[in-house]
Amino acid sequence: MKKLKTALVLSGGGSRGSYQIGVWKALKRIRIKPDLVVGTSVGAINGAMIALGKFSDAADFWLSAETDEIFGFSSKTDISFKSPFKIKGSSEFFGMPMEDAFGYAKDILMNGGTDSSRLFDLLKKHIDENKLRRSRTDYGLVTVSLSDLKSHYLFKNDIPVGELHDFMLASASCFPAAKYHQIHQTKYIDGGYADNMPVEMALKKGAGRIIAVDLNAVGKINKPSMKNAEKNAEEFILIRSTADLGNFLFFDPKTAARNIKLGFLDAMKAFGRYEGNYLTFRKGSFGGSKIKQADAAGRIFDLDPSILYSRKTLDRDIKKKLFPAPALSDEIKNISDIKKALAALLDHAGPAGLTIIIAEDILRKGDESYFLKTAASKLLKDQIMAANYIAGSGLLVPSGPVFEHFPRGSFV
């Protein structure tokens, strides 16, 4: 059987790029070595390190990188400016408190974009251009010229000798957050303005298997190219996290270590070595629909998605999160419209509290529980799946009140 040419395609996403190193770790574990690596922005930087094949150097880069080392100023608590008004609703922006986000943006804009000279020095320290050019793994990147916003898809042989680091930095110059990077007379900006997932480069080189790693970050995704890759590649595998990878401008070792774990687990799931969606389970820990119920329970009770769970460890960690079922107010009991009543119950108890209420009702009434009837099951799908897991796993002994008249006789 003919071996497929394998391409690894890496999206941009700033500090979230540590996730891609975890994916690489998984590929090494299952013995998949890319013949071609192409990337945009931080994907171009990671791609170069992957093409060199030095995993420990790449891990060291991410596990030591901090914002002040990359951009020349701190992202910690010394931000001088706070938002002049209160933010209603969401209190975070890309993983940081909203008021700090304002301060961060102000520091960037006041300086005309972050200084990339330190990042350039790091690229030269960790990436040997001569070795990259000699590597059997082909390499490519995307950048955009600022004057005409023209995209430039460049493989290593297209880039003049001595300028590989310059073009990597050009691909990762997230203007206006970062300053443009000038090469000769041309100013370049982040490749994400053109194509944050350059799968067409993989197709152009004849890749039969394309592994694409999406960091869920700001940037233009060329949807026709993605559809073309899905249609024409013999294998197309898309890996992205269902967990939050953090603020894309925040670089810190703790977040990087967590993202590396997430990337590893998600890639292992993508290749069928592990199971799960939000959480990751050892293969064979569950059967049938049970795995979806377990996954829903893990998400609702906020378990750590960077951990590999067995049935035993999952049950142990969920049990630690359980608490007495919250009581219902008379106001909620007297709501006659079922949709409004369930919405009020969810708002009153929260997702975890409502899941416990449902689990207790299932334990008391079995298939006769109102929550297993059509109307409720459609409105509270995740909570009911999680409650079924908890009720069926013996993790809960009913202790809350018996709900007989909510809403107006619905519980019977």
Protein backbone atom coordinates (compact mmCIF):
# COMPACT_ATOMS: atom_id res chain seq x y z
CA MET A 1 0.00 0.00 0.00
CA LYS A 2 1.39 3.38 -1.03
CA LYS A 3 2.33 5.65 1.88
CA LEU A 4 0.38 8.91 1.91
CA LYS A 5 2.33 12.14 1.89
CA THR A 6 1.46 13.77 5.20
CA ALA A 7 1.10 17.51 5.72
CA LEU A 8 0.69 19.25 9.07
CA VAL A 9 -1.10 22.61 8.72
CA LEU A 10 -0.89 24.98 11.71
CA SER A 11 -3.11 28.01 12.22
CA GLY A 12 -2.16 31.26 13.86
CA GLY A 13 -3.20 32.05 17.41
CA GLY A 14 -0.43 33.74 19.39
CA SER A 15 0.23 32.22 22.81
CA ARG A 16 -2.28 29.46 22.09
CA GLY A 17 0.41 27.99 19.84
CA SER A 18 1.64 25.84 22.74
CA TYR A 19 -1.39 23.62 21.96
CA GLN A 20 0.24 22.68 18.64
CA ILE A 21 3.30 21.34 20.46
CA GLY A 22 0.98 18.97 22.31
CA VAL A 23 -0.43 17.80 18.97
CA TRP A 24 3.12 17.19 17.76
CA LYS A 25 3.83 15.15 20.90
CA ALA A 26 0.84 12.93 20.07
CA LEU A 27 1.95 12.52 16.46
CA LYS A 28 5.34 11.39 17.71
CA ARG A 29 3.62 8.96 20.08
CA ILE A 30 1.64 7.34 17.25
CA ARG A 31 4.61 7.56 14.88
CA ILE A 32 3.30 10.02 12.33
CA LYS A 33 6.07 12.15 10.90
CA PRO A 34 4.94 14.97 8.60
CA ASP A 35 6.57 15.25 5.19
CA LEU A 36 5.49 18.89 5.04
CA VAL A 37 4.68 21.49 7.68
CA VAL A 38 3.03 24.79 6.74
CA GLY A 39 1.73 27.46 9.06
CA THR A 40 0.53 30.98 9.61
CA SER A 41 1.79 33.33 12.32
CA VAL A 42 2.67 31.29 15.40
CA GLY A 43 1.92 28.24 13.27
CA ALA A 44 4.82 29.28 11.03
CA ILE A 45 7.12 29.47 14.07
CA ASN A 46 6.00 26.10 15.43
CA GLY A 47 6.17 24.64 11.94
CA ALA A 48 9.84 25.53 11.67
CA MET A 49 10.63 23.85 14.98
CA ILE A 50 8.65 20.77 13.97
CA ALA A 51 10.48 20.58 10.63
CA LEU A 52 13.74 20.61 12.60
CA GLY A 53 12.47 17.66 14.65
CA LYS A 54 13.70 18.90 18.03
CA PHE A 55 10.71 18.47 20.32
CA SER A 56 12.57 19.26 23.55
CA ASP A 57 13.74 22.63 22.15
CA ALA A 58 10.19 23.51 21.10
CA ALA A 59 8.80 22.52 24.51
CA ASP A 60 11.51 24.55 26.26
CA PHE A 61 10.63 27.57 24.13
CA TRP A 62 6.98 27.43 25.20
CA LEU A 63 7.54 26.44 28.82
CA SER A 64 9.81 29.43 29.39
CA ALA A 65 8.17 32.11 27.22
CA GLU A 66 6.49 35.04 28.99
CA THR A 67 4.81 38.12 27.55
CA ASP A 68 7.57 40.55 28.49
CA GLU A 69 10.13 38.24 26.89
CA ILE A 70 8.13 38.09 23.64
CA PHE A 71 6.78 41.64 23.35
CA GLY A 72 9.01 43.74 25.59
CA PHE A 73 6.40 44.68 28.21
CA SER A 74 4.54 42.84 30.93
CA SER A 75 1.02 41.48 30.74
CA LYS A 76 0.75 41.11 34.50
CA THR A 77 -0.82 43.38 37.06
CA ASP A 78 1.21 46.52 36.34
CA ILE A 79 -1.10 47.66 33.51
CA SER A 80 -1.44 51.40 34.01
CA PHE A 81 -4.84 51.99 32.50
CA LYS A 82 -8.23 50.64 33.48
CA SER A 83 -11.52 50.86 31.67
CA PRO A 84 -13.29 54.16 32.43
CA PHE A 85 -16.68 52.44 32.57
CA LYS A 86 -18.22 49.28 33.96
CA ILE A 87 -18.63 46.37 31.58
CA LYS A 88 -22.02 44.65 31.70
CA GLY A 89 -22.44 41.03 30.74
CA SER A 90 -19.19 39.30 29.83
CA SER A 91 -16.35 40.31 32.14
CA GLU A 92 -13.57 38.80 30.08
CA PHE A 93 -12.02 39.39 26.68
CA PHE A 94 -9.87 36.60 25.18
CA GLY A 95 -9.32 35.16 28.65
CA MET A 96 -8.35 38.30 30.59
CA PRO A 97 -10.44 40.64 32.77
CA MET A 98 -12.10 43.24 30.56
CA GLU A 99 -10.58 46.21 32.37
CA ASP A 100 -7.10 44.73 31.95
CA ALA A 101 -7.84 44.18 28.26
CA PHE A 102 -8.39 47.91 27.89
CA GLY A 103 -5.06 48.56 29.59
CA TYR A 104 -3.31 46.03 27.43
CA ALA A 105 -4.75 47.55 24.25
CA LYS A 106 -3.76 51.04 25.41
CA ASP A 107 -0.14 49.98 26.05
CA ILE A 108 0.03 48.37 22.60
CA LEU A 109 -1.47 51.30 20.72
CA MET A 110 0.54 53.94 22.58
CA ASN A 111 3.70 52.16 21.47
CA GLY A 112 2.51 51.77 17.87
CA GLY A 113 2.38 48.02 18.25
CA THR A 114 4.50 45.67 20.31
CA ASP A 115 8.25 45.48 19.77
CA SER A 116 9.15 42.22 18.01
CA SER A 117 12.92 42.45 18.37
CA ARG A 118 12.96 40.05 21.32
CA LEU A 119 10.88 37.50 19.44
CA PHE A 120 13.26 37.82 16.50
CA ASP A 121 16.20 37.02 18.80
CA LEU A 122 14.32 33.99 20.15
CA LEU A 123 13.68 32.72 16.63
CA LYS A 124 17.36 32.91 15.81
CA LYS A 125 18.21 31.16 19.08
CA HIS A 126 15.81 28.24 18.64
CA ILE A 127 15.66 27.83 14.85
CA ASP A 128 18.79 27.10 12.83
CA GLU A 129 18.15 28.28 9.27
CA ASN A 130 20.79 26.08 7.68
CA LYS A 131 19.47 22.95 9.39
CA LEU A 132 15.90 23.88 8.47
CA ARG A 133 16.87 24.21 4.82
CA ARG A 134 18.58 20.81 4.92
CA SER A 135 15.69 19.12 6.68
CA ARG A 136 13.87 16.42 4.69
CA THR A 137 10.63 17.90 6.03
CA ASP A 138 9.44 20.63 3.69
CA TYR A 139 8.32 23.89 5.25
CA GLY A 140 6.15 26.84 4.27
CA LEU A 141 4.47 29.95 5.66
CA VAL A 142 2.04 32.74 4.84
CA THR A 143 2.51 36.48 5.19
CA VAL A 144 0.86 39.61 3.76
CA SER A 145 2.43 42.75 2.28
CA LEU A 146 0.97 45.79 4.03
CA SER A 147 0.86 48.18 1.06
CA ASP A 148 -1.46 46.07 -1.10
CA LEU A 149 -2.63 43.38 1.38
CA LYS A 150 -1.37 40.75 -1.05
CA SER A 151 -0.90 37.27 0.36
CA HIS A 152 2.47 35.54 -0.04
CA TYR A 153 2.56 31.74 0.21
CA LEU A 154 6.23 30.82 0.53
CA PHE A 155 8.02 27.51 0.86
CA LYS A 156 11.51 27.47 2.28
CA ASN A 157 13.10 27.28 -1.16
CA ASP A 158 11.18 30.43 -2.18
CA ILE A 159 12.78 32.47 0.61
CA PRO A 160 16.25 33.96 0.01
CA VAL A 161 19.07 32.51 2.09
CA GLY A 162 19.54 34.44 5.30
CA GLU A 163 15.94 35.68 5.42
CA LEU A 164 13.99 32.74 6.86
CA HIS A 165 13.80 34.28 10.33
CA ASP A 166 12.63 37.56 8.83
CA PHE A 167 9.77 35.90 6.99
CA MET A 168 8.77 33.88 10.06
CA LEU A 169 8.54 37.12 12.01
CA ALA A 170 6.67 38.73 9.12
CA SER A 171 4.12 35.91 9.21
CA ALA A 172 3.67 36.47 12.97
CA SER A 173 3.42 40.31 12.91
CA CYS A 174 -0.16 40.65 14.12
CA PHE A 175 -0.60 44.28 13.07
CA PRO A 176 -1.68 46.59 14.72
CA ALA A 177 -1.12 44.65 17.99
CA ALA A 178 2.41 44.02 16.74
CA LYS A 179 4.43 46.28 14.47
CA TYR A 180 4.80 45.32 10.83
CA HIS A 181 8.09 43.71 9.86
CA GLN A 182 10.04 45.26 7.03
CA ILE A 183 12.15 43.14 4.69
CA HIS A 184 14.12 45.26 2.23
CA GLN A 185 11.59 47.85 1.03
CA THR A 186 8.43 45.84 1.80
CA LYS A 187 6.42 45.96 5.01
CA TYR A 188 4.79 42.67 5.98
CA ILE A 189 2.03 41.79 8.44
CA ASP A 190 0.51 38.65 9.92
CA GLY A 191 -0.45 35.90 7.49
CA GLY A 192 -3.77 35.54 9.30
CA TYR A 193 -5.02 38.55 7.33
CA ALA A 194 -4.97 36.31 4.26
CA ASP A 195 -5.19 32.69 5.33
CA ASN A 196 -5.02 31.49 8.91
CA MET A 197 -5.18 27.84 7.88
CA PRO A 198 -3.16 27.41 4.65
CA VAL A 199 -4.37 23.96 3.59
CA GLU A 200 -3.99 24.91 -0.09
CA MET A 201 -0.22 24.85 0.38
CA ALA A 202 -0.50 21.21 1.45
CA LEU A 203 -2.63 20.34 -1.57
CA LYS A 204 -0.20 22.15 -3.85
CA LYS A 205 2.57 19.86 -2.63
CA GLY A 206 0.47 16.75 -3.23
CA ALA A 207 -0.35 15.82 0.36
CA GLY A 208 -2.73 12.87 0.58
CA ARG A 209 -3.21 13.18 4.33
CA ILE A 210 -3.73 16.64 5.84
CA ILE A 211 -3.70 17.19 9.60
CA ALA A 212 -4.94 20.71 10.36
CA VAL A 213 -4.62 22.26 13.84
CA ASP A 214 -6.96 25.17 14.55
CA LEU A 215 -6.29 27.47 17.52
CA ASN A 216 -9.72 29.15 17.35
CA ALA A 217 -8.14 32.58 17.09
CA VAL A 218 -8.71 35.79 15.16
CA GLY A 219 -7.80 35.39 11.50
CA LYS A 220 -9.28 34.72 8.09
CA ILE A 221 -10.19 31.12 7.34
CA ASN A 222 -10.40 30.40 3.63
CA LYS A 223 -13.56 28.28 3.65
CA PRO A 224 -13.40 27.24 -0.03
CA SER A 225 -9.84 26.00 0.55
CA MET A 226 -10.93 24.06 3.62
CA LYS A 227 -13.78 22.43 1.67
CA ASN A 228 -11.39 21.67 -1.17
CA ALA A 229 -8.99 19.97 1.25
CA GLU A 230 -11.78 17.96 2.88
CA LYS A 231 -12.98 16.83 -0.56
CA ASN A 232 -9.69 16.09 -2.30
CA ALA A 233 -7.33 14.85 0.41
CA GLU A 234 -7.57 11.12 1.02
CA GLU A 235 -7.52 11.88 4.74
CA PHE A 236 -8.42 15.22 6.31
CA ILE A 237 -8.16 15.47 10.09
CA LEU A 238 -9.08 18.69 11.86
CA ILE A 239 -7.93 19.09 15.46
CA ARG A 240 -9.24 21.92 17.65
CA SER A 241 -9.88 22.34 21.35
CA THR A 242 -13.30 22.45 22.96
CA ALA A 243 -11.61 23.97 26.03
CA ASP A 244 -10.50 27.58 26.46
CA LEU A 245 -6.84 28.00 25.42
CA GLY A 246 -6.52 31.42 27.04
CA ASN A 247 -5.79 34.92 25.85
CA PHE A 248 -3.81 34.81 22.60
CA LEU A 249 -1.55 37.70 23.71
CA PHE A 250 -0.72 36.24 27.14
CA PHE A 251 2.43 34.11 27.23
CA ASP A 252 3.11 32.26 30.46
CA PRO A 253 4.57 28.82 31.26
CA LYS A 254 1.59 27.57 33.29
CA THR A 255 -0.91 28.17 30.48
CA ALA A 256 1.54 26.73 27.95
CA ALA A 257 1.95 23.52 29.97
CA ARG A 258 -1.82 23.11 30.17
CA ASN A 259 -2.28 23.77 26.45
CA ILE A 260 0.40 21.23 25.56
CA LYS A 261 -1.58 18.63 27.54
CA LEU A 262 -4.81 19.62 25.79
CA GLY A 263 -3.20 19.41 22.34
CA PHE A 264 -1.81 15.97 23.11
CA LEU A 265 -5.14 14.62 24.35
CA ASP A 266 -7.18 16.13 21.49
CA ALA A 267 -4.82 14.69 18.88
CA MET A 268 -4.92 11.27 20.51
CA LYS A 269 -8.73 11.43 20.34
CA ALA A 270 -8.63 12.54 16.70
CA PHE A 271 -6.66 9.40 15.86
CA GLY A 272 -8.88 7.10 17.93
CA ARG A 273 -6.35 6.36 20.69
CA TYR A 274 -8.54 7.96 23.35
CA GLU A 275 -12.25 8.78 23.54
CA GLY A 276 -14.41 11.73 24.54
CA ASN A 277 -15.14 15.26 23.42
CA TYR A 278 -14.67 17.88 26.15
CA LEU A 279 -12.99 15.38 28.47
CA THR A 280 -10.63 12.58 27.47
CA PHE A 281 -11.17 8.97 28.49
CA ARG A 282 -9.08 5.87 28.20
CA LYS A 283 -10.39 3.70 25.40
CA GLY A 284 -12.97 1.20 26.54
CA SER A 285 -13.80 3.02 29.79
CA PHE A 286 -17.42 3.41 28.68
CA GLY A 287 -19.83 1.82 26.27
CA GLY A 288 -22.56 3.12 23.98
CA SER A 289 -24.18 6.42 24.95
CA LYS A 290 -22.54 6.34 28.40
CA ILE A 291 -19.49 8.20 27.13
CA LYS A 292 -21.63 11.16 26.02
CA GLN A 293 -23.31 11.24 29.42
CA ALA A 294 -19.93 11.14 31.17
CA ASP A 295 -18.60 13.92 28.94
CA ALA A 296 -21.64 16.10 29.67
CA ALA A 297 -21.20 15.54 33.41
CA GLY A 298 -17.55 16.49 33.20
CA ARG A 299 -18.33 19.74 31.41
CA ILE A 300 -21.22 20.73 33.70
CA PHE A 301 -19.24 20.04 36.87
CA ASP A 302 -16.19 21.85 35.47
CA LEU A 303 -13.72 18.98 35.52
CA ASP A 304 -10.23 19.58 34.18
CA PRO A 305 -10.11 18.77 30.42
CA SER A 306 -6.31 18.45 30.49
CA ILE A 307 -6.52 15.19 32.47
CA LEU A 308 -6.84 11.68 31.02
CA TYR A 309 -9.70 10.01 32.89
CA SER A 310 -10.62 6.43 33.61
CA ARG A 311 -14.11 5.50 34.84
CA LYS A 312 -12.77 5.38 38.39
CA THR A 313 -11.04 8.77 38.37
CA LEU A 314 -14.00 10.44 36.64
CA ASP A 315 -16.45 9.17 39.27
CA ARG A 316 -14.11 10.23 42.05
CA ASP A 317 -13.78 13.79 40.72
CA ILE A 318 -17.49 14.21 39.98
CA LYS A 319 -18.40 13.01 43.48
CA LYS A 320 -16.21 15.75 44.95
CA LYS A 321 -18.28 18.32 43.06
CA LEU A 322 -21.73 17.15 44.18
CA PHE A 323 -23.77 19.17 46.69
CA PRO A 324 -27.32 19.08 48.16
CA ALA A 325 -30.07 19.78 45.65
CA PRO A 326 -31.25 23.40 45.94
CA ALA A 327 -34.83 23.93 47.10
CA LEU A 328 -37.44 25.44 44.81
CA SER A 329 -39.15 28.72 45.62
CA ASP A 330 -42.95 28.98 45.53
CA GLU A 331 -42.56 31.53 42.74
CA ILE A 332 -40.91 28.96 40.48
CA LYS A 333 -43.40 26.25 41.43
CA ASN A 334 -46.29 28.45 40.35
CA ILE A 335 -45.03 29.19 36.83
CA SER A 336 -47.52 27.54 34.48
CA ASP A 337 -45.57 27.69 31.20
CA ILE A 338 -43.17 24.74 31.07
CA LYS A 339 -40.47 26.50 29.05
CA LYS A 340 -40.48 29.50 31.37
CA ALA A 341 -40.52 27.21 34.39
CA LEU A 342 -37.49 25.22 33.23
CA ALA A 343 -35.63 28.42 32.30
CA ALA A 344 -36.36 29.84 35.76
CA LEU A 345 -35.22 26.60 37.37
CA LEU A 346 -31.97 26.66 35.41
CA ASP A 347 -31.38 30.29 36.36
CA HIS A 348 -32.19 29.55 40.02
CA ALA A 349 -30.13 26.38 40.45
CA GLY A 350 -27.42 26.81 37.81
CA PRO A 351 -26.38 24.00 35.43
CA ALA A 352 -24.77 21.89 38.18
CA GLY A 353 -27.60 22.41 40.68
CA LEU A 354 -30.23 21.59 38.09
CA THR A 355 -28.32 18.45 37.10
CA ILE A 356 -28.43 17.29 40.72
CA ILE A 357 -32.18 18.03 40.92
CA ILE A 358 -32.77 15.98 37.77
CA ALA A 359 -30.52 13.13 38.98
CA GLU A 360 -32.45 12.93 42.25
CA ASP A 361 -35.76 12.89 40.42
CA ILE A 362 -34.55 10.10 38.12
CA LEU A 363 -33.40 8.09 41.13
CA ARG A 364 -36.82 8.47 42.78
CA LYS A 365 -39.07 7.99 39.77
CA GLY A 366 -36.99 6.20 37.14
CA ASP A 367 -38.48 6.42 33.64
CA GLU A 368 -41.46 8.29 35.07
CA SER A 369 -39.32 11.34 35.87
CA TYR A 370 -40.78 14.36 34.13
CA PHE A 371 -37.27 15.38 33.03
CA LEU A 372 -37.17 12.35 30.76
CA LYS A 373 -40.34 13.43 28.94
CA THR A 374 -40.04 14.97 25.49
CA ALA A 375 -40.51 18.65 26.33
CA ALA A 376 -37.93 18.74 29.12
CA SER A 377 -35.46 16.43 27.40
CA LYS A 378 -35.14 18.75 24.43
CA LEU A 379 -34.70 21.88 26.53
CA LEU A 380 -32.24 20.42 29.03
CA LYS A 381 -30.35 17.90 26.92
CA ASP A 382 -26.88 18.35 28.49
CA GLN A 383 -28.16 18.46 32.07
CA ILE A 384 -30.29 15.34 31.52
CA MET A 385 -27.39 13.40 29.99
CA ALA A 386 -25.18 14.38 32.93
CA ALA A 387 -27.94 13.53 35.44
CA ASN A 388 -28.44 10.11 33.85
CA TYR A 389 -24.74 9.42 34.30
CA ILE A 390 -24.77 10.49 37.94
CA ALA A 391 -27.96 8.57 38.73
CA GLY A 392 -26.75 5.44 36.96
CA SER A 393 -23.30 5.46 38.54
CA GLY A 394 -24.42 5.42 42.16
CA LEU A 395 -22.73 8.73 42.93
CA LEU A 396 -25.76 10.33 44.55
CA VAL A 397 -28.24 9.52 47.33
CA PRO A 398 -31.42 11.63 47.08
CA SER A 399 -31.56 14.17 49.89
CA GLY A 400 -33.51 17.10 48.48
CA PRO A 401 -37.27 17.71 48.53
CA VAL A 402 -39.65 15.67 46.39
CA PHE A 403 -41.07 17.89 43.66
CA GLU A 404 -44.70 16.94 43.14
CA HIS A 405 -46.24 20.09 41.76
CA PHE A 406 -43.86 21.82 39.38
CA PRO A 407 -45.10 23.40 37.30
CA ARG A 408 -48.72 22.90 38.37
CA GLY A 409 -48.71 19.15 38.51
CA SER A 410 -46.02 18.45 35.91
CA PHE A 411 -44.13 16.27 38.40
CA VAL A 412 -46.40 13.37 39.17
